[in-house]
N, C-alpha and C. Protein backbone atom coordinates (compact mmCIF):
# COMPACT_ATOMS: atom_id res chain seq x y z
N UNK A 1 2.81 8.33 -34.44
CA UNK A 1 2.81 8.02 -32.79
C UNK A 1 2.86 9.37 -32.93
N UNK A 2 2.20 10.25 -31.70
CA UNK A 2 1.40 11.30 -31.38
C UNK A 2 2.86 11.71 -30.63
N UNK A 3 2.56 13.52 -31.00
CA UNK A 3 3.29 14.27 -30.24
C UNK A 3 2.85 14.74 -29.41
N UNK A 4 2.71 14.27 -27.88
CA UNK A 4 2.16 14.61 -27.09
C UNK A 4 3.08 14.01 -25.34
N UNK A 5 3.40 13.87 -24.45
CA UNK A 5 4.34 13.09 -24.05
C UNK A 5 3.79 11.98 -23.21
N UNK A 6 3.91 11.38 -23.42
CA UNK A 6 3.17 9.68 -22.58
C UNK A 6 2.92 10.17 -20.91
N UNK A 7 1.74 9.55 -20.68
CA UNK A 7 1.43 9.76 -19.51
C UNK A 7 2.57 8.59 -19.10
N UNK A 8 2.85 8.65 -17.24
CA UNK A 8 2.95 7.39 -16.48
C UNK A 8 4.64 7.28 -17.13
N UNK A 9 5.73 6.13 -16.50
CA UNK A 9 6.93 6.60 -16.76
C UNK A 9 7.35 5.05 -16.30
N UNK A 10 9.06 4.44 -17.40
CA UNK A 10 9.35 3.24 -16.51
C UNK A 10 10.37 2.48 -15.58
N UNK A 11 9.63 1.88 -15.51
CA UNK A 11 10.32 1.35 -13.71
C UNK A 11 11.30 0.14 -14.30
N UNK A 12 12.73 -0.18 -15.19
CA UNK A 12 12.80 -1.39 -16.35
C UNK A 12 11.67 -1.77 -17.33
N UNK A 13 11.53 -2.34 -17.03
CA UNK A 13 9.91 -3.15 -17.87
C UNK A 13 8.91 -2.83 -17.96
N UNK A 14 8.71 -2.36 -16.67
CA UNK A 14 7.50 -1.87 -15.97
C UNK A 14 7.27 -0.63 -16.28
N UNK A 15 5.76 -0.20 -17.02
CA UNK A 15 5.25 0.95 -17.03
C UNK A 15 4.69 1.08 -16.27
N UNK A 16 4.02 2.56 -14.93
CA UNK A 16 3.60 2.43 -13.88
C UNK A 16 2.98 4.38 -14.72
N UNK A 17 1.31 3.89 -14.51
CA UNK A 17 0.95 5.09 -14.52
C UNK A 17 -0.12 4.76 -12.91
N UNK A 18 0.39 6.55 -12.82
CA UNK A 18 -0.82 6.86 -11.66
C UNK A 18 -2.28 7.53 -11.94
N UNK A 19 -3.26 7.46 -11.12
CA UNK A 19 -3.98 7.24 -10.93
C UNK A 19 -4.88 8.01 -9.97
N UNK A 20 -5.62 8.70 -9.59
CA UNK A 20 -6.29 9.31 -8.63
C UNK A 20 -7.63 8.94 -8.82
N UNK A 21 -8.54 8.16 -7.71
CA UNK A 21 -9.50 7.84 -7.35
C UNK A 21 -10.59 9.52 -7.46
N UNK A 22 -12.21 9.50 -8.21
CA UNK A 22 -12.06 10.90 -8.74
C UNK A 22 -13.80 10.22 -7.77
N UNK A 23 -14.26 11.04 -7.49
CA UNK A 23 -16.15 10.37 -6.81
C UNK A 23 -16.86 9.71 -7.98
N UNK A 24 -17.21 9.88 -9.74
CA UNK A 24 -17.49 9.29 -10.39
C UNK A 24 -17.14 7.55 -10.76
N UNK A 25 -16.02 7.48 -10.16
CA UNK A 25 -15.48 6.29 -9.74
C UNK A 25 -15.98 5.37 -9.14
N UNK A 26 -16.63 5.76 -8.54
CA UNK A 26 -17.33 4.89 -6.57
C UNK A 26 -18.96 5.03 -6.77
N UNK A 27 -19.20 3.81 -5.98
CA UNK A 27 -20.49 3.52 -5.87
C UNK A 27 -20.64 4.29 -4.74
N UNK A 28 -22.08 4.83 -4.66
CA UNK A 28 -22.31 5.11 -2.71
C UNK A 28 -21.91 5.25 -1.77
N UNK A 29 -20.89 4.40 -1.67
CA UNK A 29 -19.92 3.88 -0.24
C UNK A 29 -18.43 4.85 -0.58
N UNK A 30 -18.14 5.24 -1.74
CA UNK A 30 -17.04 5.89 -1.88
C UNK A 30 -16.18 4.61 -2.01
N UNK A 31 -16.44 3.22 -2.67
CA UNK A 31 -15.97 2.38 -2.93
C UNK A 31 -15.71 2.64 -4.40
N UNK A 32 -14.51 2.31 -4.90
CA UNK A 32 -14.57 2.12 -6.52
C UNK A 32 -15.21 0.87 -6.93
N UNK A 33 -16.30 0.99 -8.51
CA UNK A 33 -17.02 -0.01 -8.58
C UNK A 33 -16.02 -1.00 -9.26
N UNK A 34 -16.22 -2.31 -9.21
CA UNK A 34 -15.02 -3.13 -9.64
C UNK A 34 -15.23 -3.34 -11.14
N UNK A 35 -16.55 -3.01 -12.01
CA UNK A 35 -15.72 -2.71 -13.50
C UNK A 35 -14.98 -1.68 -13.53
N UNK A 36 -15.15 -0.69 -13.11
CA UNK A 36 -13.97 0.68 -13.24
C UNK A 36 -12.54 0.34 -13.73
N UNK A 37 -12.31 -0.88 -12.89
CA UNK A 37 -10.73 -1.31 -13.24
C UNK A 37 -10.53 -2.16 -14.31
N UNK A 38 -11.33 -2.24 -15.23
CA UNK A 38 -11.10 -2.83 -16.78
C UNK A 38 -10.32 -1.80 -17.27
N UNK A 39 -11.54 -0.55 -17.26
CA UNK A 39 -11.01 0.93 -17.64
C UNK A 39 -9.18 1.14 -17.13
N UNK A 40 -9.32 1.31 -15.96
CA UNK A 40 -7.78 1.03 -15.54
C UNK A 40 -6.45 1.03 -16.61
N UNK A 41 -6.70 -0.93 -16.49
CA UNK A 41 -6.62 -1.39 -16.38
C UNK A 41 -5.62 -0.83 -18.29
N UNK A 42 -6.83 -0.72 -18.61
CA UNK A 42 -6.94 -0.49 -20.60
C UNK A 42 -5.96 0.68 -20.52
N UNK A 43 -6.34 1.85 -19.85
CA UNK A 43 -5.72 3.10 -19.81
C UNK A 43 -3.93 2.79 -19.41
N UNK A 44 -3.38 1.78 -18.91
CA UNK A 44 -2.05 1.22 -18.43
C UNK A 44 -1.59 0.76 -19.58
N UNK A 45 -2.14 -0.06 -20.18
CA UNK A 45 -1.70 -0.71 -21.69
C UNK A 45 -1.74 0.30 -22.55
N UNK A 46 -2.35 1.10 -23.10
CA UNK A 46 -2.14 1.92 -23.65
C UNK A 46 -1.17 3.00 -23.77
N UNK A 47 -0.81 3.78 -22.17
CA UNK A 47 -0.22 4.11 -22.13
C UNK A 47 1.74 3.92 -22.12
N UNK A 48 1.13 2.37 -21.79
CA UNK A 48 2.72 1.62 -22.31
C UNK A 48 3.39 1.38 -23.53
N UNK A 49 2.26 1.54 -24.29
CA UNK A 49 2.65 1.26 -26.01
C UNK A 49 2.45 2.66 -26.66
N UNK A 50 1.89 3.98 -26.03
CA UNK A 50 2.03 5.22 -26.51
C UNK A 50 3.40 5.06 -25.64
N UNK A 51 3.92 4.81 -24.62
CA UNK A 51 5.18 5.24 -24.41
C UNK A 51 6.33 4.79 -25.11
N UNK A 52 6.11 3.64 -25.48
CA UNK A 52 7.51 3.16 -26.57
C UNK A 52 7.31 3.48 -27.73
N UNK A 53 6.88 4.93 -28.08
CA UNK A 53 6.66 5.40 -29.60
C UNK A 53 5.28 4.36 -30.38
N UNK A 54 4.42 4.54 -29.64
CA UNK A 54 3.43 4.27 -30.72
C UNK A 54 2.23 4.00 -30.70
N UNK A 55 0.62 4.57 -30.56
CA UNK A 55 -0.04 4.58 -30.02
C UNK A 55 -1.25 3.78 -31.05
N UNK A 56 -2.35 3.64 -30.02
CA UNK A 56 -3.22 2.96 -30.79
C UNK A 56 -3.98 3.61 -32.90
N UNK A 57 -3.88 5.15 -32.19
CA UNK A 57 -4.11 5.78 -33.81
C UNK A 57 -2.93 5.44 -35.67
N UNK A 58 -1.86 4.94 -34.33
CA UNK A 58 -0.93 5.17 -35.66
C UNK A 58 -0.75 3.17 -36.18
N UNK A 59 -1.56 2.91 -34.86
CA UNK A 59 -1.68 1.02 -35.76
C UNK A 59 -2.40 1.17 -36.89
N UNK A 60 -3.63 1.86 -35.73
CA UNK A 60 -5.02 1.90 -36.85
C UNK A 60 -4.78 2.74 -38.09
N UNK A 61 -3.93 3.12 -38.58
CA UNK A 61 -3.27 4.28 -39.27
C UNK A 61 -2.23 3.45 -40.17
N UNK A 62 -1.65 2.87 -39.77
CA UNK A 62 -0.58 2.05 -40.65
C UNK A 62 -0.71 1.25 -41.44
N UNK A 63 0.25 1.15 -42.25
CA UNK A 63 0.84 -0.18 -43.27
C UNK A 63 0.05 -1.02 -43.06
N UNK A 64 0.23 -1.69 -42.20
CA UNK A 64 -0.59 -2.98 -41.52
C UNK A 64 -1.75 -2.14 -40.42
N UNK A 65 -2.37 -2.27 -41.10
CA UNK A 65 -3.51 -0.94 -40.05
C UNK A 65 -4.44 -2.97 -39.15
N UNK A 66 -4.30 -2.14 -37.91
CA UNK A 66 -4.81 -3.26 -36.76
C UNK A 66 -5.01 -2.78 -35.86
N UNK A 67 -5.86 -3.53 -34.76
CA UNK A 67 -6.46 -3.18 -33.17
C UNK A 67 -5.96 -4.43 -32.66
N UNK A 68 -6.29 -3.36 -31.08
CA UNK A 68 -6.70 -4.65 -30.23
C UNK A 68 -7.89 -5.25 -29.56
N UNK A 69 -8.03 -6.75 -29.79
CA UNK A 69 -9.26 -7.37 -28.69
C UNK A 69 -8.12 -7.66 -27.23
N UNK A 70 -9.00 -7.59 -25.83
CA UNK A 70 -8.87 -8.32 -24.64
C UNK A 70 -9.77 -10.03 -25.55
N UNK A 71 -8.91 -10.95 -25.18
CA UNK A 71 -9.40 -12.15 -25.21
C UNK A 71 -9.56 -12.79 -24.13
N UNK A 72 -9.07 -12.56 -23.07
CA UNK A 72 -9.02 -13.36 -21.45
C UNK A 72 -8.38 -12.42 -20.40
N UNK A 73 -9.29 -12.19 -19.60
CA UNK A 73 -9.04 -11.19 -18.38
C UNK A 73 -9.62 -12.02 -17.38
N UNK A 74 -8.23 -12.11 -16.39
CA UNK A 74 -8.26 -12.75 -14.73
C UNK A 74 -8.31 -11.66 -14.00
N UNK A 75 -8.63 -11.51 -13.31
CA UNK A 75 -9.17 -9.86 -12.05
C UNK A 75 -9.15 -11.01 -10.68
N UNK A 76 -8.37 -10.46 -9.43
CA UNK A 76 -8.33 -11.01 -8.17
C UNK A 76 -7.73 -9.62 -7.32
N UNK A 77 -9.20 -9.25 -7.04
CA UNK A 77 -9.59 -7.89 -6.24
C UNK A 77 -8.85 -8.61 -4.57
N UNK A 78 -7.71 -7.41 -4.01
CA UNK A 78 -6.82 -7.84 -2.96
C UNK A 78 -7.60 -7.33 -1.65
N UNK A 79 -8.14 -6.14 -2.17
CA UNK A 79 -8.68 -4.35 -1.36
C UNK A 79 -9.41 -3.86 -2.09
N UNK A 80 -10.37 -2.83 -1.57
CA UNK A 80 -10.80 -1.89 -2.29
C UNK A 80 -9.70 -0.77 -2.06
N UNK A 81 -10.11 0.41 -3.29
CA UNK A 81 -10.16 1.55 -3.53
C UNK A 81 -11.25 2.40 -2.64
N UNK A 82 -10.30 3.74 -2.33
CA UNK A 82 -11.53 4.13 -1.99
C UNK A 82 -11.34 5.95 -2.63
N UNK A 83 -12.71 6.82 -2.54
CA UNK A 83 -12.37 8.19 -3.18
C UNK A 83 -10.69 9.37 -2.64
N UNK A 84 -10.49 9.70 -3.76
CA UNK A 84 -9.51 10.26 -3.49
C UNK A 84 -8.30 9.48 -3.43
N UNK A 85 -7.98 8.34 -3.20
CA UNK A 85 -6.95 7.45 -3.07
C UNK A 85 -6.02 7.61 -4.72
N UNK A 86 -4.80 7.72 -4.71
CA UNK A 86 -3.83 7.62 -5.61
C UNK A 86 -3.36 6.71 -5.18
N UNK A 87 -3.52 5.83 -6.37
CA UNK A 87 -2.67 4.26 -7.31
C UNK A 87 -2.64 4.28 -8.28
N UNK A 88 -1.49 3.66 -8.92
CA UNK A 88 -0.53 3.13 -9.93
C UNK A 88 -1.06 1.63 -10.59
N UNK A 89 -0.67 1.97 -11.76
CA UNK A 89 -1.60 1.29 -12.91
C UNK A 89 -0.04 0.34 -13.11
N UNK A 90 0.12 -0.31 -13.00
CA UNK A 90 2.13 -1.11 -13.40
C UNK A 90 1.62 -2.51 -13.85
N UNK A 91 2.08 -2.49 -15.55
CA UNK A 91 1.96 -3.11 -16.80
C UNK A 91 3.17 -3.57 -16.87
N UNK A 92 3.17 -5.14 -17.12
CA UNK A 92 4.49 -5.98 -17.92
C UNK A 92 3.96 -6.70 -18.71
N UNK A 93 4.69 -6.62 -20.20
CA UNK A 93 4.23 -7.32 -21.42
C UNK A 93 5.01 -8.58 -20.74
N UNK A 94 4.30 -9.79 -20.95
CA UNK A 94 5.34 -10.90 -20.83
C UNK A 94 5.38 -11.96 -22.04
N UNK A 95 5.30 -11.77 -22.72
CA UNK A 95 5.02 -13.07 -24.06
C UNK A 95 4.11 -12.52 -25.23
N UNK A 96 5.14 -12.65 -26.48
CA UNK A 96 3.74 -12.48 -27.46
C UNK A 96 4.25 -13.70 -28.29
N UNK A 97 2.88 -13.68 -28.36
CA UNK A 97 3.02 -15.50 -29.95
C UNK A 97 1.67 -15.56 -29.98
N UNK A 98 2.36 -15.17 -31.75
CA UNK A 98 1.28 -15.42 -32.09
C UNK A 98 0.66 -13.35 -32.84
N UNK A 99 -0.42 -14.23 -32.78
CA UNK A 99 -1.24 -12.67 -32.82
C UNK A 99 -1.11 -11.94 -31.38
N UNK A 100 -1.38 -13.14 -30.16
CA UNK A 100 -1.71 -12.99 -28.82
C UNK A 100 -0.62 -12.13 -28.25
N UNK A 101 -0.84 -11.19 -27.29
CA UNK A 101 0.14 -10.43 -26.15
C UNK A 101 -0.55 -10.54 -24.79
N UNK A 102 0.94 -10.57 -23.99
CA UNK A 102 0.02 -10.91 -22.44
C UNK A 102 1.05 -10.62 -21.96
N UNK A 103 0.10 -9.64 -21.00
CA UNK A 103 0.43 -8.29 -20.20
C UNK A 103 -0.27 -9.23 -18.09
N UNK A 104 1.03 -9.38 -17.83
CA UNK A 104 0.71 -9.07 -16.39
C UNK A 104 0.50 -7.08 -15.73
N UNK A 105 -0.37 -7.32 -15.23
CA UNK A 105 -1.20 -5.83 -14.57
C UNK A 105 -1.77 -6.03 -13.00
N UNK A 106 -0.92 -4.78 -12.69
CA UNK A 106 -1.27 -4.72 -10.77
C UNK A 106 -1.71 -3.36 -10.66
N UNK A 107 -2.44 -2.74 -9.69
CA UNK A 107 -2.81 -1.88 -8.76
C UNK A 107 -2.62 -1.96 -7.77
N UNK A 108 -1.94 -0.76 -7.23
CA UNK A 108 -0.85 -0.28 -6.40
C UNK A 108 -1.49 0.98 -5.50
N UNK A 109 -2.07 0.51 -3.71
CA UNK A 109 -1.82 2.13 -3.35
C UNK A 109 -0.67 2.28 -2.61
N UNK A 110 0.51 3.22 -2.92
CA UNK A 110 1.80 2.84 -1.84
C UNK A 110 2.52 1.01 -2.10
N UNK A 111 2.86 0.84 -1.10
CA UNK A 111 2.88 -0.73 -0.91
C UNK A 111 1.83 -1.70 -0.69
N UNK A 112 0.55 -1.28 -1.17
CA UNK A 112 -0.30 -2.47 -1.16
C UNK A 112 -0.99 -2.73 -2.33
N UNK A 113 -0.92 -4.11 -2.49
CA UNK A 113 -2.25 -4.34 -3.70
C UNK A 113 -3.42 -4.80 -3.94
N UNK A 114 -4.10 -3.64 -4.64
CA UNK A 114 -5.33 -3.86 -4.47
C UNK A 114 -5.91 -4.82 -5.48
N UNK A 115 -5.49 -5.10 -6.65
CA UNK A 115 -5.78 -5.62 -7.75
C UNK A 115 -4.77 -6.22 -8.73
N UNK A 116 -4.65 -8.24 -9.47
CA UNK A 116 -3.34 -8.02 -9.82
C UNK A 116 -4.96 -8.74 -11.24
N UNK A 117 -3.76 -8.89 -12.37
CA UNK A 117 -4.63 -8.67 -13.77
C UNK A 117 -3.75 -9.79 -14.69
N UNK A 118 -4.34 -10.90 -15.16
CA UNK A 118 -3.54 -11.31 -16.43
C UNK A 118 -4.25 -11.09 -17.61
N UNK A 119 -3.29 -10.21 -18.75
CA UNK A 119 -4.74 -9.95 -19.69
C UNK A 119 -4.15 -10.85 -21.09
N UNK A 120 -4.83 -11.35 -21.97
CA UNK A 120 -4.50 -11.80 -23.26
C UNK A 120 -5.10 -10.99 -24.04
N UNK A 121 -3.94 -9.73 -24.81
CA UNK A 121 -5.01 -9.21 -26.39
C UNK A 121 -4.32 -10.04 -27.24
N UNK A 122 -5.32 -9.92 -28.02
CA UNK A 122 -4.91 -10.06 -29.50
C UNK A 122 -5.42 -9.37 -30.72
N UNK A 123 -4.47 -9.01 -31.39
CA UNK A 123 -3.59 -8.05 -32.36
C UNK A 123 -4.95 -8.64 -33.54
N UNK A 124 -5.57 -7.52 -34.31
CA UNK A 124 -6.74 -8.36 -35.35
C UNK A 124 -6.44 -6.57 -36.65
N UNK A 125 -7.16 -7.70 -37.19
CA UNK A 125 -7.13 -6.71 -39.21
C UNK A 125 -8.23 -5.68 -38.29
N UNK A 126 -8.93 -5.09 -39.15
CA UNK A 126 -10.17 -4.48 -39.65
C UNK A 126 -11.77 -5.32 -39.37
N UNK A 127 -11.27 -6.57 -39.65
CA UNK A 127 -12.11 -7.68 -40.05
C UNK A 127 -11.88 -8.95 -39.19
N UNK A 128 -11.75 -7.98 -37.91
CA UNK A 128 -11.70 -9.07 -36.73
C UNK A 128 -10.86 -10.07 -37.05
N UNK A 129 -9.97 -10.18 -37.41
CA UNK A 129 -9.35 -11.65 -37.56
C UNK A 129 -8.11 -11.63 -37.29
N UNK A 130 -7.82 -13.03 -36.72
CA UNK A 130 -6.57 -12.21 -35.70
C UNK A 130 -4.92 -12.05 -36.91
N UNK A 131 -3.82 -10.99 -36.30
CA UNK A 131 -2.72 -10.65 -37.32
C UNK A 131 -2.02 -10.74 -36.31
N UNK A 132 -0.53 -10.69 -36.54
CA UNK A 132 0.26 -10.57 -35.74
C UNK A 132 0.94 -9.81 -35.97
N UNK A 133 1.47 -8.40 -34.57
CA UNK A 133 1.67 -7.69 -34.79
C UNK A 133 2.37 -6.98 -35.84
N UNK A 134 2.59 -5.89 -36.30
CA UNK A 134 3.21 -5.01 -37.19
C UNK A 134 4.95 -5.63 -36.55
N UNK A 135 5.53 -5.54 -37.32
CA UNK A 135 6.82 -5.22 -37.61
C UNK A 135 7.79 -4.18 -36.26
N UNK A 136 7.37 -2.97 -36.37
CA UNK A 136 7.89 -1.74 -36.25
C UNK A 136 7.11 -1.33 -34.27
N UNK A 137 6.10 -2.22 -34.62
CA UNK A 137 5.24 -2.52 -33.12
C UNK A 137 6.21 -3.03 -32.19
N UNK A 138 6.93 -4.51 -32.82
CA UNK A 138 7.64 -5.85 -32.26
C UNK A 138 8.96 -4.64 -31.79
N UNK A 139 9.23 -4.28 -32.84
CA UNK A 139 10.51 -3.97 -32.79
C UNK A 139 10.67 -3.17 -31.31
N UNK A 140 9.84 -1.96 -30.93
CA UNK A 140 9.54 -0.73 -30.55
C UNK A 140 9.46 -1.83 -28.60
N UNK A 141 8.73 -2.78 -29.15
CA UNK A 141 7.67 -3.44 -27.55
C UNK A 141 8.88 -5.17 -27.21
N UNK A 142 10.25 -5.03 -28.24
CA UNK A 142 10.93 -6.07 -27.64
C UNK A 142 12.09 -5.89 -26.60
N UNK A 143 12.51 -5.06 -26.53
CA UNK A 143 13.05 -4.76 -25.27
C UNK A 143 12.64 -4.26 -23.62
N UNK A 144 11.24 -4.84 -23.69
CA UNK A 144 10.37 -4.87 -22.73
C UNK A 144 9.76 -6.36 -22.39
N UNK A 145 10.11 -7.32 -22.79
CA UNK A 145 9.67 -8.36 -23.38
C UNK A 145 10.62 -9.34 -22.03
N UNK A 146 10.54 -10.58 -21.59
CA UNK A 146 11.77 -11.31 -20.54
C UNK A 146 11.87 -11.22 -21.56
N UNK A 147 13.72 -11.49 -21.22
CA UNK A 147 14.93 -12.84 -21.66
C UNK A 147 14.78 -13.80 -22.37
N UNK A 148 14.37 -14.82 -23.37
CA UNK A 148 14.11 -16.02 -23.63
C UNK A 148 15.22 -16.62 -22.45
N UNK A 149 14.59 -17.62 -22.28
CA UNK A 149 15.46 -18.81 -21.43
C UNK A 149 16.92 -19.29 -22.34
N UNK A 150 17.17 -19.58 -21.43
CA UNK A 150 18.67 -20.58 -22.35
C UNK A 150 18.80 -21.89 -22.19
N UNK A 151 18.43 -22.61 -22.92
CA UNK A 151 18.75 -24.01 -22.65
C UNK A 151 19.73 -24.63 -23.36
N UNK A 152 20.83 -25.42 -22.82
CA UNK A 152 21.66 -26.15 -23.27
C UNK A 152 20.92 -26.75 -24.33
N UNK A 153 21.06 -27.32 -25.45
CA UNK A 153 20.80 -28.37 -26.90
C UNK A 153 20.22 -29.11 -25.90
N UNK A 154 21.79 -30.03 -25.56
CA UNK A 154 20.92 -31.25 -24.45
C UNK A 154 20.23 -31.88 -23.65
N UNK A 155 19.34 -30.28 -23.26
CA UNK A 155 18.88 -30.80 -21.79
C UNK A 155 17.39 -30.20 -22.42
N UNK A 156 17.25 -29.47 -23.89
CA UNK A 156 16.21 -29.14 -24.51
C UNK A 156 15.01 -31.09 -24.09
N UNK A 157 13.67 -30.51 -23.37
CA UNK A 157 12.53 -31.02 -23.62
C UNK A 157 12.13 -31.37 -24.92
N UNK A 158 10.88 -31.90 -25.18
CA UNK A 158 10.83 -32.97 -26.41
C UNK A 158 9.73 -31.72 -26.67
N UNK A 159 9.21 -31.51 -27.78
CA UNK A 159 7.99 -30.43 -27.53
C UNK A 159 6.55 -30.85 -27.49
N UNK A 160 7.00 -32.53 -27.82
CA UNK A 160 5.49 -33.23 -26.62
C UNK A 160 5.59 -33.76 -25.80
N UNK A 161 5.51 -34.26 -25.32
CA UNK A 161 5.85 -35.47 -24.24
C UNK A 161 5.19 -36.09 -23.79
N UNK A 162 4.49 -37.32 -24.35
CA UNK A 162 2.57 -37.56 -23.28
C UNK A 162 2.82 -38.32 -21.80
N UNK A 163 1.96 -38.03 -21.28
CA UNK A 163 2.09 -38.42 -19.90
C UNK A 163 2.70 -39.71 -19.24
N UNK A 164 2.89 -40.00 -18.18
CA UNK A 164 3.64 -41.31 -18.13
C UNK A 164 2.15 -42.39 -18.31
N UNK A 165 0.83 -42.05 -17.66
CA UNK A 165 0.25 -43.05 -17.87
C UNK A 165 -0.35 -43.05 -19.77
N UNK A 166 -0.09 -41.97 -20.25
CA UNK A 166 -0.45 -42.30 -21.50
C UNK A 166 0.31 -43.59 -22.31
N UNK A 167 1.42 -43.58 -21.91
CA UNK A 167 2.28 -43.90 -22.90
C UNK A 167 1.71 -45.78 -22.46
N UNK A 168 1.80 -45.94 -23.83
CA UNK A 168 0.89 -47.83 -23.86
C UNK A 168 1.84 -48.37 -23.96
N UNK A 169 1.91 -50.06 -22.50
CA UNK A 169 2.50 -50.87 -22.36
C UNK A 169 3.32 -51.67 -23.84
N UNK A 170 3.93 -52.11 -23.80
CA UNK A 170 4.68 -52.74 -24.84
C UNK A 170 4.45 -54.28 -24.68
């Protein structure tokens, strides 16, 4: 864990990372170049992990040496950001399934939604094989995940139910 203060802050489960748009982030017209948003989202997820008491370097040097790879990235651009804009990258982790961590992220300018994203990261070892996140990370992350839905036992749906058209008539 780093001894440096983490950037950003939490508001409930959501981590908020402020950033400013510089000339280097824009194209000739002063609008943020689309690929730069991927970097902003990465910073948001990294600062979230650091803020909960972990860091990429500690995960890479720990007993179970792991890192993360993006396996799916879905972006929806809604408004342009421009030079000198003050933005916030907002990050929520929605679920952890096996080696996959699913994050929902937004980029905001005040109350204006600039971009929304869904990002799937896979925890991998140094040979690139998927691995469950280390227990220490999961312990720290658990309080920022949504509470599991509580379903009474008699109301549980079967694990697999074929669609009605798939059931053969007898």
